[in-house]
């Protein structure tokens, strides 16, 4: 969706760095923990059966960034992320007015 630079490192080099550099080990474990926490939040979000409540939970989970997300992410992508039809997301955004956006 946006220009991105992706860096990579091979598995053996990563393992070497984790084993031999304590700061890299800390960063790596922090990164892995962050992934687990965000994945858990996404799973919990998608288990909410009501589309409006799912959208409101998305906003709560992303309270510092949601306005930027709503402006930047195409609505059909955001709707897909929230497991709803674009029409449903559009209706919810319209209904919420300026309260959430």
PDB file of N, CA and C in Angstrom:
ATOM      1  N   UNK A   1       0.813  -1.196   0.000  1.00  0.00           N
ATOM      2  CA  UNK A   1       0.000   0.000   0.000  1.00  0.00           C
ATOM      3  C   UNK A   1       0.854   1.257   0.000  1.00  0.00           C
ATOM      4  N   UNK A   2       2.026   1.168   0.644  1.00  0.00           N
ATOM      5  CA  UNK A   2       2.918   2.317   0.688  1.00  0.00           C
ATOM      6  C   UNK A   2       4.331   1.845   0.377  1.00  0.00           C
ATOM      7  N   UNK A   3       5.167   2.758  -0.083  1.00  0.00           N
ATOM      8  CA  UNK A   3       6.557   2.398  -0.333  1.00  0.00           C
ATOM      9  C   UNK A   3       7.190   1.924   0.964  1.00  0.00           C
ATOM     10  N   UNK A   4       7.923   0.830   0.861  1.00  0.00           N
ATOM     11  CA  UNK A   4       8.515   0.217   2.038  1.00  0.00           C
ATOM     12  C   UNK A   4       9.901  -0.309   1.700  1.00  0.00           C
ATOM     13  N   UNK A   5      10.795  -0.219   2.642  1.00  0.00           N
ATOM     14  CA  UNK A   5      12.110  -0.835   2.501  1.00  0.00           C
ATOM     15  C   UNK A   5      12.132  -2.026   3.445  1.00  0.00           C
ATOM     16  N   UNK A   6      12.481  -3.179   2.908  1.00  0.00           N
ATOM     17  CA  UNK A   6      12.520  -4.395   3.703  1.00  0.00           C
ATOM     18  C   UNK A   6      13.962  -4.876   3.791  1.00  0.00           C
ATOM     19  N   UNK A   7      14.401  -5.090   4.996  1.00  0.00           N
ATOM     20  CA  UNK A   7      15.735  -5.641   5.235  1.00  0.00           C
ATOM     21  C   UNK A   7      15.567  -7.082   5.679  1.00  0.00           C
ATOM     22  N   UNK A   8      16.563  -7.893   5.404  1.00  0.00           N
ATOM     23  CA  UNK A   8      16.485  -9.282   5.859  1.00  0.00           C
ATOM     24  C   UNK A   8      17.839  -9.735   6.372  1.00  0.00           C
ATOM     25  N   UNK A   9      17.789 -10.807   7.138  1.00  0.00           N
ATOM     26  CA  UNK A   9      18.999 -11.410   7.684  1.00  0.00           C
ATOM     27  C   UNK A   9      18.771 -12.913   7.698  1.00  0.00           C
ATOM     28  N   UNK A  10      19.802 -13.662   7.377  1.00  0.00           N
ATOM     29  CA  UNK A  10      19.603 -15.109   7.349  1.00  0.00           C
ATOM     30  C   UNK A  10      19.536 -15.665   8.776  1.00  0.00           C
ATOM     31  N   UNK A  11      18.903 -16.820   8.901  1.00  0.00           N
ATOM     32  CA  UNK A  11      18.617 -17.428  10.201  1.00  0.00           C
ATOM     33  C   UNK A  11      19.889 -17.658  11.023  1.00  0.00           C
ATOM     34  N   UNK A  12      20.919 -18.186  10.412  1.00  0.00           N
ATOM     35  CA  UNK A  12      22.161 -18.487  11.144  1.00  0.00           C
ATOM     36  C   UNK A  12      22.794 -17.227  11.717  1.00  0.00           C
ATOM     37  N   UNK A  13      22.795 -16.160  10.940  1.00  0.00           N
ATOM     38  CA  UNK A  13      23.351 -14.889  11.419  1.00  0.00           C
ATOM     39  C   UNK A  13      22.523 -14.346  12.578  1.00  0.00           C
ATOM     40  N   UNK A  14      21.211 -14.436  12.453  1.00  0.00           N
ATOM     41  CA  UNK A  14      20.340 -13.991  13.540  1.00  0.00           C
ATOM     42  C   UNK A  14      20.623 -14.778  14.810  1.00  0.00           C
ATOM     43  N   UNK A  15      20.700 -16.087  14.705  1.00  0.00           N
ATOM     44  CA  UNK A  15      20.987 -16.920  15.877  1.00  0.00           C
ATOM     45  C   UNK A  15      22.334 -16.560  16.500  1.00  0.00           C
ATOM     46  N   UNK A  16      23.330 -16.337  15.675  1.00  0.00           N
ATOM     47  CA  UNK A  16      24.645 -15.943  16.172  1.00  0.00           C
ATOM     48  C   UNK A  16      24.550 -14.622  16.943  1.00  0.00           C
ATOM     49  N   UNK A  17      23.844 -13.658  16.373  1.00  0.00           N
ATOM     50  CA  UNK A  17      23.714 -12.353  17.014  1.00  0.00           C
ATOM     51  C   UNK A  17      22.949 -12.447  18.331  1.00  0.00           C
ATOM     52  N   UNK A  18      21.894 -13.258  18.369  1.00  0.00           N
ATOM     53  CA  UNK A  18      21.118 -13.433  19.596  1.00  0.00           C
ATOM     54  C   UNK A  18      21.972 -14.052  20.694  1.00  0.00           C
ATOM     55  N   UNK A  19      22.781 -15.031  20.326  1.00  0.00           N
ATOM     56  CA  UNK A  19      23.608 -15.740  21.306  1.00  0.00           C
ATOM     57  C   UNK A  19      24.806 -14.920  21.782  1.00  0.00           C
ATOM     58  N   UNK A  20      25.300 -14.012  20.953  1.00  0.00           N
ATOM     59  CA  UNK A  20      26.551 -13.332  21.278  1.00  0.00           C
ATOM     60  C   UNK A  20      26.433 -11.848  21.616  1.00  0.00           C
ATOM     61  N   UNK A  21      25.269 -11.273  21.394  1.00  0.00           N
ATOM     62  CA  UNK A  21      25.089  -9.858  21.676  1.00  0.00           C
ATOM     63  C   UNK A  21      23.842  -9.664  22.538  1.00  0.00           C
ATOM     64  N   UNK A  22      24.033  -9.419  23.839  1.00  0.00           N
ATOM     65  CA  UNK A  22      22.891  -9.293  24.752  1.00  0.00           C
ATOM     66  C   UNK A  22      21.863  -8.236  24.323  1.00  0.00           C
ATOM     67  N   UNK A  23      22.317  -7.127  23.772  1.00  0.00           N
ATOM     68  CA  UNK A  23      21.367  -6.093  23.344  1.00  0.00           C
ATOM     69  C   UNK A  23      20.484  -6.594  22.199  1.00  0.00           C
ATOM     70  N   UNK A  24      21.061  -7.320  21.275  1.00  0.00           N
ATOM     71  CA  UNK A  24      20.279  -7.893  20.175  1.00  0.00           C
ATOM     72  C   UNK A  24      19.287  -8.903  20.723  1.00  0.00           C
ATOM     73  N   UNK A  25      19.717  -9.685  21.703  1.00  0.00           N
ATOM     74  CA  UNK A  25      18.836 -10.674  22.335  1.00  0.00           C
ATOM     75  C   UNK A  25      17.626  -9.973  22.965  1.00  0.00           C
ATOM     76  N   UNK A  26      17.854  -8.878  23.663  1.00  0.00           N
ATOM     77  CA  UNK A  26      16.757  -8.123  24.282  1.00  0.00           C
ATOM     78  C   UNK A  26      15.807  -7.574  23.224  1.00  0.00           C
ATOM     79  N   UNK A  27      16.373  -6.979  22.184  1.00  0.00           N
ATOM     80  CA  UNK A  27      15.543  -6.421  21.113  1.00  0.00           C
ATOM     81  C   UNK A  27      14.728  -7.522  20.451  1.00  0.00           C
ATOM     82  N   UNK A  28      15.359  -8.643  20.172  1.00  0.00           N
ATOM     83  CA  UNK A  28      14.684  -9.772  19.527  1.00  0.00           C
ATOM     84  C   UNK A  28      13.516 -10.264  20.382  1.00  0.00           C
ATOM     85  N   UNK A  29      13.744 -10.462  21.650  1.00  0.00           N
ATOM     86  CA  UNK A  29      12.678 -10.955  22.520  1.00  0.00           C
ATOM     87  C   UNK A  29      11.557  -9.925  22.699  1.00  0.00           C
ATOM     88  N   UNK A  30      11.918  -8.673  22.753  1.00  0.00           N
ATOM     89  CA  UNK A  30      10.897  -7.620  22.826  1.00  0.00           C
ATOM     90  C   UNK A  30      10.042  -7.642  21.551  1.00  0.00           C
ATOM     91  N   UNK A  31      10.698  -7.774  20.403  1.00  0.00           N
ATOM     92  CA  UNK A  31      10.011  -7.818  19.124  1.00  0.00           C
ATOM     93  C   UNK A  31       9.061  -9.020  19.050  1.00  0.00           C
ATOM     94  N   UNK A  32       9.516 -10.185  19.456  1.00  0.00           N
ATOM     95  CA  UNK A  32       8.691 -11.396  19.428  1.00  0.00           C
ATOM     96  C   UNK A  32       7.497 -11.248  20.376  1.00  0.00           C
ATOM     97  N   UNK A  33       7.721 -10.728  21.570  1.00  0.00           N
ATOM     98  CA  UNK A  33       6.633 -10.509  22.518  1.00  0.00           C
ATOM     99  C   UNK A  33       5.603  -9.542  21.943  1.00  0.00           C
ATOM    100  N   UNK A  34       6.061  -8.487  21.298  1.00  0.00           N
ATOM    101  CA  UNK A  34       5.164  -7.512  20.676  1.00  0.00           C
ATOM    102  C   UNK A  34       4.300  -8.177  19.603  1.00  0.00           C
ATOM    103  N   UNK A  35       4.897  -9.051  18.814  1.00  0.00           N
ATOM    104  CA  UNK A  35       4.139  -9.777  17.785  1.00  0.00           C
ATOM    105  C   UNK A  35       3.059 -10.637  18.435  1.00  0.00           C
ATOM    106  N   UNK A  36       3.395 -11.352  19.505  1.00  0.00           N
ATOM    107  CA  UNK A  36       2.409 -12.190  20.190  1.00  0.00           C
ATOM    108  C   UNK A  36       1.254 -11.356  20.746  1.00  0.00           C
ATOM    109  N   UNK A  37       1.558 -10.251  21.360  1.00  0.00           N
ATOM    110  CA  UNK A  37       0.525  -9.396  21.947  1.00  0.00           C
ATOM    111  C   UNK A  37      -0.393  -8.849  20.854  1.00  0.00           C
ATOM    112  N   UNK A  38       0.182  -8.374  19.753  1.00  0.00           N
ATOM    113  CA  UNK A  38      -0.631  -7.829  18.661  1.00  0.00           C
ATOM    114  C   UNK A  38      -1.453  -8.922  17.975  1.00  0.00           C
ATOM    115  N   UNK A  39      -0.892 -10.111  17.841  1.00  0.00           N
ATOM    116  CA  UNK A  39      -1.639 -11.218  17.241  1.00  0.00           C
ATOM    117  C   UNK A  39      -2.811 -11.610  18.124  1.00  0.00           C
ATOM    118  N   UNK A  40      -2.592 -11.666  19.425  1.00  0.00           N
ATOM    119  CA  UNK A  40      -3.673 -11.987  20.353  1.00  0.00           C
ATOM    120  C   UNK A  40      -4.789 -10.942  20.269  1.00  0.00           C
ATOM    121  N   UNK A  41      -4.416  -9.673  20.214  1.00  0.00           N
ATOM    122  CA  UNK A  41      -5.413  -8.600  20.111  1.00  0.00           C
ATOM    123  C   UNK A  41      -6.208  -8.726  18.817  1.00  0.00           C
ATOM    124  N   UNK A  42      -5.533  -9.049  17.728  1.00  0.00           N
ATOM    125  CA  UNK A  42      -6.225  -9.211  16.435  1.00  0.00           C
ATOM    126  C   UNK A  42      -7.201 -10.389  16.489  1.00  0.00           C
ATOM    127  N   UNK A  43      -6.797 -11.497  17.085  1.00  0.00           N
ATOM    128  CA  UNK A  43      -7.681 -12.668  17.201  1.00  0.00           C
ATOM    129  C   UNK A  43      -8.898 -12.311  18.043  1.00  0.00           C
ATOM    130  N   UNK A  44      -8.680 -11.642  19.164  1.00  0.00           N
ATOM    131  CA  UNK A  44      -9.804 -11.231  20.019  1.00  0.00           C
ATOM    132  C   UNK A  44     -10.730 -10.275  19.273  1.00  0.00           C
ATOM    133  N   UNK A  45     -10.146  -9.362  18.502  1.00  0.00           N
ATOM    134  CA  UNK A  45     -10.937  -8.412  17.724  1.00  0.00           C
ATOM    135  C   UNK A  45     -11.849  -9.137  16.745  1.00  0.00           C
ATOM    136  N   UNK A  46     -11.304 -10.110  16.044  1.00  0.00           N
ATOM    137  CA  UNK A  46     -12.078 -10.809  15.018  1.00  0.00           C
ATOM    138  C   UNK A  46     -13.132 -11.740  15.601  1.00  0.00           C
ATOM    139  N   UNK A  47     -13.051 -12.023  16.883  1.00  0.00           N
ATOM    140  CA  UNK A  47     -14.063 -12.862  17.529  1.00  0.00           C
ATOM    141  C   UNK A  47     -15.306 -12.071  17.930  1.00  0.00           C
ATOM    142  N   UNK A  48     -15.238 -10.756  17.852  1.00  0.00           N
ATOM    143  CA  UNK A  48     -16.398  -9.922  18.197  1.00  0.00           C
ATOM    144  C   UNK A  48     -17.407 -10.039  17.058  1.00  0.00           C
ATOM    145  N   UNK A  49     -18.603 -10.571  17.344  1.00  0.00           N
ATOM    146  CA  UNK A  49     -19.555 -10.832  16.260  1.00  0.00           C
ATOM    147  C   UNK A  49     -20.191  -9.585  15.653  1.00  0.00           C
ATOM    148  N   UNK A  50     -20.363  -8.529  16.418  1.00  0.00           N
ATOM    149  CA  UNK A  50     -21.024  -7.316  15.940  1.00  0.00           C
ATOM    150  C   UNK A  50     -20.011  -6.413  15.238  1.00  0.00           C
ATOM    151  N   UNK A  51     -20.303  -6.037  13.982  1.00  0.00           N
ATOM    152  CA  UNK A  51     -19.362  -5.234  13.186  1.00  0.00           C
ATOM    153  C   UNK A  51     -19.046  -3.889  13.827  1.00  0.00           C
ATOM    154  N   UNK A  52     -20.069  -3.209  14.336  1.00  0.00           N
ATOM    155  CA  UNK A  52     -19.839  -1.898  14.959  1.00  0.00           C
ATOM    156  C   UNK A  52     -18.959  -2.042  16.204  1.00  0.00           C
ATOM    157  N   UNK A  53     -19.231  -3.056  17.021  1.00  0.00           N
ATOM    158  CA  UNK A  53     -18.416  -3.282  18.217  1.00  0.00           C
ATOM    159  C   UNK A  53     -16.986  -3.649  17.830  1.00  0.00           C
ATOM    160  N   UNK A  54     -16.821  -4.396  16.738  1.00  0.00           N
ATOM    161  CA  UNK A  54     -15.488  -4.755  16.248  1.00  0.00           C
ATOM    162  C   UNK A  54     -14.737  -3.496  15.821  1.00  0.00           C
ATOM    163  N   UNK A  55     -15.431  -2.591  15.115  1.00  0.00           N
ATOM    164  CA  UNK A  55     -14.822  -1.330  14.697  1.00  0.00           C
ATOM    165  C   UNK A  55     -14.436  -0.491  15.921  1.00  0.00           C
ATOM    166  N   UNK A  56     -15.334  -0.410  16.894  1.00  0.00           N
ATOM    167  CA  UNK A  56     -15.050   0.366  18.108  1.00  0.00           C
ATOM    168  C   UNK A  56     -13.871  -0.224  18.879  1.00  0.00           C
ATOM    169  N   UNK A  57     -13.759  -1.540  18.906  1.00  0.00           N
ATOM    170  CA  UNK A  57     -12.618  -2.182  19.572  1.00  0.00           C
ATOM    171  C   UNK A  57     -11.331  -1.912  18.799  1.00  0.00           C
ATOM    172  N   UNK A  58     -11.407  -1.912  17.480  1.00  0.00           N
ATOM    173  CA  UNK A  58     -10.250  -1.555  16.654  1.00  0.00           C
ATOM    174  C   UNK A  58      -9.769  -0.149  17.015  1.00  0.00           C
ATOM    175  N   UNK A  59     -10.715   0.764  17.163  1.00  0.00           N
ATOM    176  CA  UNK A  59     -10.361   2.137  17.529  1.00  0.00           C
ATOM    177  C   UNK A  59      -9.742   2.170  18.927  1.00  0.00           C
ATOM    178  N   UNK A  60     -10.334   1.422  19.863  1.00  0.00           N
ATOM    179  CA  UNK A  60      -9.784   1.402  21.225  1.00  0.00           C
ATOM    180  C   UNK A  60      -8.353   0.854  21.227  1.00  0.00           C
ATOM    181  N   UNK A  61      -8.126  -0.214  20.479  1.00  0.00           N
ATOM    182  CA  UNK A  61      -6.795  -0.837  20.432  1.00  0.00           C
ATOM    183  C   UNK A  61      -5.772   0.059  19.738  1.00  0.00           C
ATOM    184  N   UNK A  62      -6.237   0.902  18.845  1.00  0.00           N
ATOM    185  CA  UNK A  62      -5.346   1.759  18.057  1.00  0.00           C
ATOM    186  C   UNK A  62      -5.618   3.231  18.328  1.00  0.00           C
ATOM    187  N   UNK A  63      -5.943   3.540  19.572  1.00  0.00           N
ATOM    188  CA  UNK A  63      -6.412   4.886  19.913  1.00  0.00           C
ATOM    189  C   UNK A  63      -5.451   6.002  19.524  1.00  0.00           C
ATOM    190  N   UNK A  64      -4.168   5.716  19.428  1.00  0.00           N
ATOM    191  CA  UNK A  64      -3.219   6.777  19.085  1.00  0.00           C
ATOM    192  C   UNK A  64      -3.021   6.916  17.575  1.00  0.00           C
ATOM    193  N   UNK A  65      -3.503   5.937  16.796  1.00  0.00           N
ATOM    194  CA  UNK A  65      -3.226   5.945  15.360  1.00  0.00           C
ATOM    195  C   UNK A  65      -4.457   5.796  14.484  1.00  0.00           C
ATOM    196  N   UNK A  66      -5.635   5.526  15.061  1.00  0.00           N
ATOM    197  CA  UNK A  66      -6.768   5.148  14.222  1.00  0.00           C
ATOM    198  C   UNK A  66      -7.182   6.233  13.233  1.00  0.00           C
ATOM    199  N   UNK A  67      -7.093   7.511  13.615  1.00  0.00           N
ATOM    200  CA  UNK A  67      -7.484   8.569  12.670  1.00  0.00           C
ATOM    201  C   UNK A  67      -6.574   8.548  11.446  1.00  0.00           C
ATOM    202  N   UNK A  68      -5.299   8.324  11.673  1.00  0.00           N
ATOM    203  CA  UNK A  68      -4.343   8.225  10.577  1.00  0.00           C
ATOM    204  C   UNK A  68      -4.647   6.985   9.737  1.00  0.00           C
ATOM    205  N   UNK A  69      -4.952   5.871  10.387  1.00  0.00           N
ATOM    206  CA  UNK A  69      -5.281   4.639   9.665  1.00  0.00           C
ATOM    207  C   UNK A  69      -6.502   4.846   8.777  1.00  0.00           C
ATOM    208  N   UNK A  70      -7.532   5.462   9.308  1.00  0.00           N
ATOM    209  CA  UNK A  70      -8.773   5.646   8.558  1.00  0.00           C
ATOM    210  C   UNK A  70      -8.533   6.554   7.350  1.00  0.00           C
ATOM    211  N   UNK A  71      -7.646   7.534   7.490  1.00  0.00           N
ATOM    212  CA  UNK A  71      -7.344   8.408   6.359  1.00  0.00           C
ATOM    213  C   UNK A  71      -6.448   7.719   5.322  1.00  0.00           C
ATOM    214  N   UNK A  72      -5.478   6.930   5.780  1.00  0.00           N
ATOM    215  CA  UNK A  72      -4.463   6.373   4.891  1.00  0.00           C
ATOM    216  C   UNK A  72      -4.828   5.024   4.277  1.00  0.00           C
ATOM    217  N   UNK A  73      -5.486   4.174   5.028  1.00  0.00           N
ATOM    218  CA  UNK A  73      -5.762   2.826   4.533  1.00  0.00           C
ATOM    219  C   UNK A  73      -7.020   2.854   3.678  1.00  0.00           C
ATOM    220  N   UNK A  74      -6.947   2.346   2.448  1.00  0.00           N
ATOM    221  CA  UNK A  74      -8.161   2.281   1.627  1.00  0.00           C
ATOM    222  C   UNK A  74      -9.267   1.541   2.385  1.00  0.00           C
ATOM    223  N   UNK A  75     -10.482   2.049   2.256  1.00  0.00           N
ATOM    224  CA  UNK A  75     -11.610   1.493   3.032  1.00  0.00           C
ATOM    225  C   UNK A  75     -11.802  -0.005   2.787  1.00  0.00           C
ATOM    226  N   UNK A  76     -11.601  -0.463   1.565  1.00  0.00           N
ATOM    227  CA  UNK A  76     -11.803  -1.896   1.317  1.00  0.00           C
ATOM    228  C   UNK A  76     -10.751  -2.745   2.024  1.00  0.00           C
ATOM    229  N   UNK A  77      -9.550  -2.205   2.207  1.00  0.00           N
ATOM    230  CA  UNK A  77      -8.501  -2.927   2.938  1.00  0.00           C
ATOM    231  C   UNK A  77      -8.831  -2.945   4.432  1.00  0.00           C
ATOM    232  N   UNK A  78      -9.236  -1.795   4.967  1.00  0.00           N
ATOM    233  CA  UNK A  78      -9.602  -1.718   6.381  1.00  0.00           C
ATOM    234  C   UNK A  78     -10.799  -2.618   6.672  1.00  0.00           C
ATOM    235  N   UNK A  79     -11.770  -2.633   5.769  1.00  0.00           N
ATOM    236  CA  UNK A  79     -12.938  -3.504   5.945  1.00  0.00           C
ATOM    237  C   UNK A  79     -12.502  -4.961   5.959  1.00  0.00           C
ATOM    238  N   UNK A  80     -11.603  -5.333   5.076  1.00  0.00           N
ATOM    239  CA  UNK A  80     -11.102  -6.702   5.039  1.00  0.00           C
ATOM    240  C   UNK A  80     -10.376  -7.042   6.337  1.00  0.00           C
ATOM    241  N   UNK A  81      -9.558  -6.122   6.823  1.00  0.00           N
ATOM    242  CA  UNK A  81      -8.851  -6.305   8.086  1.00  0.00           C
ATOM    243  C   UNK A  81      -9.825  -6.550   9.236  1.00  0.00           C
ATOM    244  N   UNK A  82     -10.968  -5.867   9.191  1.00  0.00           N
ATOM    245  CA  UNK A  82     -11.976  -5.979  10.248  1.00  0.00           C
ATOM    246  C   UNK A  82     -13.025  -7.046   9.953  1.00  0.00           C
ATOM    247  N   UNK A  83     -12.813  -7.799   8.878  1.00  0.00           N
ATOM    248  CA  UNK A  83     -13.701  -8.907   8.514  1.00  0.00           C
ATOM    249  C   UNK A  83     -15.148  -8.439   8.320  1.00  0.00           C
ATOM    250  N   UNK A  84     -15.291  -7.386   7.506  1.00  0.00           N
ATOM    251  CA  UNK A  84     -16.631  -6.889   7.180  1.00  0.00           C
ATOM    252  C   UNK A  84     -16.623  -6.366   5.749  1.00  0.00           C
ATOM    253  N   UNK A  85     -17.790  -6.192   5.189  1.00  0.00           N
ATOM    254  CA  UNK A  85     -17.911  -5.650   3.839  1.00  0.00           C
ATOM    255  C   UNK A  85     -17.595  -4.156   3.861  1.00  0.00           C
ATOM    256  N   UNK A  86     -17.042  -3.627   2.776  1.00  0.00           N
ATOM    257  CA  UNK A  86     -16.748  -2.190   2.713  1.00  0.00           C
ATOM    258  C   UNK A  86     -17.985  -1.327   2.960  1.00  0.00           C
ATOM    259  N   UNK A  87     -19.139  -1.796   2.489  1.00  0.00           N
ATOM    260  CA  UNK A  87     -20.375  -1.044   2.700  1.00  0.00           C
ATOM    261  C   UNK A  87     -20.707  -0.932   4.185  1.00  0.00           C
ATOM    262  N   UNK A  88     -20.464  -2.033   4.903  1.00  0.00           N
ATOM    263  CA  UNK A  88     -20.730  -2.034   6.347  1.00  0.00           C
ATOM    264  C   UNK A  88     -19.806  -1.051   7.051  1.00  0.00           C
ATOM    265  N   UNK A  89     -18.521  -1.077   6.711  1.00  0.00           N
ATOM    266  CA  UNK A  89     -17.568  -0.146   7.315  1.00  0.00           C
ATOM    267  C   UNK A  89     -17.947   1.292   6.991  1.00  0.00           C
ATOM    268  N   UNK A  90     -18.303   1.559   5.759  1.00  0.00           N
ATOM    269  CA  UNK A  90     -18.694   2.909   5.367  1.00  0.00           C
ATOM    270  C   UNK A  90     -19.896   3.387   6.175  1.00  0.00           C
ATOM    271  N   UNK A  91     -20.885   2.522   6.355  1.00  0.00           N
ATOM    272  CA  UNK A  91     -22.081   2.866   7.138  1.00  0.00           C
ATOM    273  C   UNK A  91     -21.696   3.159   8.580  1.00  0.00           C
ATOM    274  N   UNK A  92     -20.838   2.326   9.162  1.00  0.00           N
ATOM    275  CA  UNK A  92     -20.424   2.521  10.558  1.00  0.00           C
ATOM    276  C   UNK A  92     -19.673   3.841  10.713  1.00  0.00           C
ATOM    277  N   UNK A  93     -18.764   4.124   9.786  1.00  0.00           N
ATOM    278  CA  UNK A  93     -18.007   5.380   9.848  1.00  0.00           C
ATOM    279  C   UNK A  93     -18.956   6.569   9.724  1.00  0.00           C
ATOM    280  N   UNK A  94     -19.924   6.486   8.822  1.00  0.00           N
ATOM    281  CA  UNK A  94     -20.904   7.563   8.649  1.00  0.00           C
ATOM    282  C   UNK A  94     -21.733   7.744   9.905  1.00  0.00           C
ATOM    283  N   UNK A  95     -22.170   6.634  10.502  1.00  0.00           N
ATOM    284  CA  UNK A  95     -23.008   6.696  11.712  1.00  0.00           C
ATOM    285  C   UNK A  95     -22.244   7.271  12.900  1.00  0.00           C
ATOM    286  N   UNK A  96     -20.960   6.990  12.990  1.00  0.00           N
ATOM    287  CA  UNK A  96     -20.194   7.478  14.142  1.00  0.00           C
ATOM    288  C   UNK A  96     -19.915   8.972  14.032  1.00  0.00           C
ATOM    289  N   UNK A  97     -19.988   9.515  12.807  1.00  0.00           N
ATOM    290  CA  UNK A  97     -19.761  10.938  12.619  1.00  0.00           C
ATOM    291  C   UNK A  97     -18.406  11.354  13.139  1.00  0.00           C
ATOM    292  N   UNK A  98     -18.354  12.465  13.821  1.00  0.00           N
ATOM    293  CA  UNK A  98     -17.089  12.981  14.353  1.00  0.00           C
ATOM    294  C   UNK A  98     -16.765  12.420  15.722  1.00  0.00           C
ATOM    295  N   UNK A  99     -17.610  11.562  16.259  1.00  0.00           N
ATOM    296  CA  UNK A  99     -17.343  11.012  17.591  1.00  0.00           C
ATOM    297  C   UNK A  99     -16.068  10.175  17.615  1.00  0.00           C
ATOM    298  N   UNK A 100     -15.821   9.413  16.543  1.00  0.00           N
ATOM    299  CA  UNK A 100     -14.677   8.512  16.537  1.00  0.00           C
ATOM    300  C   UNK A 100     -13.618   8.901  15.530  1.00  0.00           C
ATOM    301  N   UNK A 101     -13.997   9.670  14.532  1.00  0.00           N
ATOM    302  CA  UNK A 101     -13.042   9.959  13.450  1.00  0.00           C
ATOM    303  C   UNK A 101     -12.543  11.387  13.539  1.00  0.00           C
TER     304      UNK A 101
END
